[in-house]
Amino acid sequence: MSTPADIRPEDEIYREDRCKRCGVCCGAADGHPCEHLRRDGDRYRCEIYGRHLGYHRTVDGLFFRCVSIRELIETSGGHETCAYVQALRAKRQEPSPPAFGHTYR
């Protein structure tokens, strides 16, 4: 039987340098980006990174709670193109999901 310690990935998966700054986790792809997300060329950045966790609004005024990338991925599964998600799948040797839709376990 698995315990949380058995299935929790190591901290090295969530290294800052793994992030590709795609902005997906901050709403860049769903039409409701965070009001603090800024485009920087072909990448994105958070203008308040370092104090970003907590309640904020999207650019269209919706409230949401910004959480760590670890919490986002471990509660929602993250986005399939995310470098963190890809590293977790490789570590766990999980296949990629289908090109569309969600997979439930």
C-alpha atoms as a PDB file:
ATOM      1  CA  MET A   1       0.000   0.000   0.000  1.00  0.00           C
ATOM      2  CA  SER A   2       1.344   3.428  -0.968  1.00  0.00           C
ATOM      3  CA  THR A   3       1.787   6.183   1.553  1.00  0.00           C
ATOM      4  CA  PRO A   4       2.008   9.873   0.638  1.00  0.00           C
ATOM      5  CA  ALA A   5       5.772   9.696   1.190  1.00  0.00           C
ATOM      6  CA  ASP A   6       5.987   6.898  -1.390  1.00  0.00           C
ATOM      7  CA  ILE A   7       4.205   8.806  -4.111  1.00  0.00           C
ATOM      8  CA  ARG A   8       5.206  12.407  -3.398  1.00  0.00           C
ATOM      9  CA  PRO A   9       7.841  13.492  -5.936  1.00  0.00           C
ATOM     10  CA  GLU A  10      11.171  14.826  -4.785  1.00  0.00           C
ATOM     11  CA  ASP A  11      11.655  18.555  -4.546  1.00  0.00           C
ATOM     12  CA  GLU A  12      14.113  18.427  -7.461  1.00  0.00           C
ATOM     13  CA  ILE A  13      11.166  18.021  -9.838  1.00  0.00           C
ATOM     14  CA  TYR A  14       9.933  21.494  -8.880  1.00  0.00           C
ATOM     15  CA  ARG A  15      13.189  23.382  -9.437  1.00  0.00           C
ATOM     16  CA  GLU A  16      12.622  26.930 -10.693  1.00  0.00           C
ATOM     17  CA  ASP A  17      14.897  26.415 -13.687  1.00  0.00           C
ATOM     18  CA  ARG A  18      12.602  23.676 -15.016  1.00  0.00           C
ATOM     19  CA  CYS A  19       9.829  26.199 -15.741  1.00  0.00           C
ATOM     20  CA  LYS A  20       9.581  27.216 -19.410  1.00  0.00           C
ATOM     21  CA  ARG A  21       7.565  30.365 -18.564  1.00  0.00           C
ATOM     22  CA  CYS A  22       4.705  29.323 -20.842  1.00  0.00           C
ATOM     23  CA  GLY A  23       2.085  31.009 -18.628  1.00  0.00           C
ATOM     24  CA  VAL A  24      -0.416  28.145 -18.845  1.00  0.00           C
ATOM     25  CA  CYS A  25      -0.537  27.667 -15.065  1.00  0.00           C
ATOM     26  CA  CYS A  26      -1.329  31.390 -14.723  1.00  0.00           C
ATOM     27  CA  GLY A  27      -4.204  31.378 -17.220  1.00  0.00           C
ATOM     28  CA  ALA A  28      -2.406  32.421 -20.419  1.00  0.00           C
ATOM     29  CA  ALA A  29      -4.093  29.650 -22.413  1.00  0.00           C
ATOM     30  CA  ASP A  30      -7.606  29.606 -20.956  1.00  0.00           C
ATOM     31  CA  GLY A  31      -8.660  33.194 -21.619  1.00  0.00           C
ATOM     32  CA  HIS A  32      -8.565  34.188 -17.934  1.00  0.00           C
ATOM     33  CA  PRO A  33      -4.958  35.153 -17.188  1.00  0.00           C
ATOM     34  CA  CYS A  34      -3.927  36.540 -13.838  1.00  0.00           C
ATOM     35  CA  GLU A  35      -3.852  40.333 -13.692  1.00  0.00           C
ATOM     36  CA  HIS A  36      -0.143  40.093 -12.741  1.00  0.00           C
ATOM     37  CA  LEU A  37       0.920  37.922 -15.691  1.00  0.00           C
ATOM     38  CA  ARG A  38       3.032  39.816 -18.203  1.00  0.00           C
ATOM     39  CA  ARG A  39       4.169  38.742 -21.630  1.00  0.00           C
ATOM     40  CA  ASP A  40       7.902  39.052 -22.144  1.00  0.00           C
ATOM     41  CA  GLY A  41       8.639  38.179 -25.768  1.00  0.00           C
ATOM     42  CA  ASP A  42       7.573  34.572 -26.279  1.00  0.00           C
ATOM     43  CA  ARG A  43       7.509  33.893 -22.524  1.00  0.00           C
ATOM     44  CA  TYR A  44       5.524  35.088 -19.535  1.00  0.00           C
ATOM     45  CA  ARG A  45       6.471  36.343 -16.104  1.00  0.00           C
ATOM     46  CA  CYS A  46       4.654  37.225 -12.900  1.00  0.00           C
ATOM     47  CA  GLU A  47       5.156  40.849 -11.969  1.00  0.00           C
ATOM     48  CA  ILE A  48       4.728  40.023  -8.257  1.00  0.00           C
ATOM     49  CA  TYR A  49       6.575  36.688  -8.146  1.00  0.00           C
ATOM     50  CA  GLY A  50       7.859  36.048  -4.648  1.00  0.00           C
ATOM     51  CA  ARG A  51       4.643  37.373  -3.136  1.00  0.00           C
ATOM     52  CA  HIS A  52       2.231  35.855  -5.635  1.00  0.00           C
ATOM     53  CA  LEU A  53       0.602  33.151  -3.498  1.00  0.00           C
ATOM     54  CA  GLY A  54      -2.874  34.006  -2.259  1.00  0.00           C
ATOM     55  CA  TYR A  55      -6.012  35.595  -3.655  1.00  0.00           C
ATOM     56  CA  HIS A  56      -5.892  37.623  -6.866  1.00  0.00           C
ATOM     57  CA  ARG A  57      -8.072  38.475  -9.844  1.00  0.00           C
ATOM     58  CA  THR A  58      -7.940  37.552 -13.480  1.00  0.00           C
ATOM     59  CA  VAL A  59      -7.778  40.343 -16.058  1.00  0.00           C
ATOM     60  CA  ASP A  60     -11.547  40.042 -16.418  1.00  0.00           C
ATOM     61  CA  GLY A  61     -12.168  40.361 -12.675  1.00  0.00           C
ATOM     62  CA  LEU A  62     -12.660  36.748 -11.563  1.00  0.00           C
ATOM     63  CA  PHE A  63     -11.230  35.861  -8.139  1.00  0.00           C
ATOM     64  CA  PHE A  64      -8.906  32.891  -7.776  1.00  0.00           C
ATOM     65  CA  ARG A  65      -6.274  31.618  -5.366  1.00  0.00           C
ATOM     66  CA  CYS A  66      -2.738  31.426  -6.701  1.00  0.00           C
ATOM     67  CA  VAL A  67      -0.997  28.308  -5.382  1.00  0.00           C
ATOM     68  CA  SER A  68       2.440  26.783  -5.766  1.00  0.00           C
ATOM     69  CA  ILE A  69       3.102  24.845  -8.950  1.00  0.00           C
ATOM     70  CA  ARG A  70       3.412  21.696  -6.822  1.00  0.00           C
ATOM     71  CA  GLU A  71      -0.071  22.198  -5.345  1.00  0.00           C
ATOM     72  CA  LEU A  72      -1.528  23.005  -8.760  1.00  0.00           C
ATOM     73  CA  ILE A  73      -0.115  19.861 -10.352  1.00  0.00           C
ATOM     74  CA  GLU A  74      -0.832  17.545  -7.439  1.00  0.00           C
ATOM     75  CA  THR A  75      -4.459  18.674  -7.178  1.00  0.00           C
ATOM     76  CA  SER A  76      -5.388  19.192 -10.843  1.00  0.00           C
ATOM     77  CA  GLY A  77      -2.806  17.172 -12.756  1.00  0.00           C
ATOM     78  CA  GLY A  78      -1.398  20.261 -14.453  1.00  0.00           C
ATOM     79  CA  HIS A  79      -1.172  20.808 -18.202  1.00  0.00           C
ATOM     80  CA  GLU A  80       0.330  18.113 -20.419  1.00  0.00           C
ATOM     81  CA  THR A  81       2.850  20.523 -22.012  1.00  0.00           C
ATOM     82  CA  CYS A  82       4.185  21.710 -18.636  1.00  0.00           C
ATOM     83  CA  ALA A  83       7.846  20.835 -18.073  1.00  0.00           C
ATOM     84  CA  TYR A  84       7.086  19.914 -14.450  1.00  0.00           C
ATOM     85  CA  VAL A  85       4.296  17.547 -15.510  1.00  0.00           C
ATOM     86  CA  GLN A  86       6.528  15.960 -18.139  1.00  0.00           C
ATOM     87  CA  ALA A  87       9.308  15.453 -15.581  1.00  0.00           C
ATOM     88  CA  LEU A  88       6.851  13.862 -13.141  1.00  0.00           C
ATOM     89  CA  ARG A  89       5.530  11.500 -15.812  1.00  0.00           C
ATOM     90  CA  ALA A  90       9.045  10.493 -16.755  1.00  0.00           C
ATOM     91  CA  LYS A  91       9.950   9.889 -13.113  1.00  0.00           C
ATOM     92  CA  ARG A  92       6.792   7.860 -12.530  1.00  0.00           C
ATOM     93  CA  GLN A  93       7.082   6.284 -15.984  1.00  0.00           C
ATOM     94  CA  GLU A  94       3.524   7.262 -16.851  1.00  0.00           C
ATOM     95  CA  PRO A  95       2.328   7.476 -20.447  1.00  0.00           C
ATOM     96  CA  SER A  96       1.186  10.812 -21.804  1.00  0.00           C
ATOM     97  CA  PRO A  97      -2.580  11.316 -21.839  1.00  0.00           C
ATOM     98  CA  PRO A  98      -4.588  11.417 -25.081  1.00  0.00           C
ATOM     99  CA  ALA A  99      -4.331  14.643 -27.082  1.00  0.00           C
ATOM    100  CA  PHE A 100      -7.665  15.862 -25.719  1.00  0.00           C
ATOM    101  CA  GLY A 101      -9.852  15.359 -22.669  1.00  0.00           C
ATOM    102  CA  HIS A 102      -8.974  14.359 -19.132  1.00  0.00           C
ATOM    103  CA  THR A 103      -7.932  10.997 -17.833  1.00  0.00           C
ATOM    104  CA  TYR A 104      -9.242   9.898 -14.463  1.00  0.00           C
ATOM    105  CA  ARG A 105      -7.781   7.255 -12.217  1.00  0.00           C
END
